Amino acid sequence: MAATEKTIHIQTYDVIGMTCEHCVRAVIAEVSLIPGVLGVQVSLLNGTATVSSDLPLEDRDIAMAVEEAGYTLGRGSAAGPVSSEGSF
């Protein structure tokens, strides 16, 4: 079986208002519900959430999920799509 190339999109967002590990878990839980999200890493120290997905995500969808968790989305910076060989 030949390996296939799949593009993974990675975006980092500032999340305002997180103060504890409960905050981190809440953001991960809500953002993980967005269709296409493969993973979410949240840094309490940096106040950021890095989201990997198999398709481009709309900033408004991330903002709604972060707000549902009780926090505010700040301005984020794109890390851009990453090509990865193999299947996920």
Foldseek 3Di string as FASTA:
>chain_A
DFKDKAKKWKWKWAKPDDDDVLLVVQLQVQVVPDPFWPGWDADPVRRMIMTIGRDDDDPVSSQVSNVVSPIGIDGIDTPGMDMDIHDD
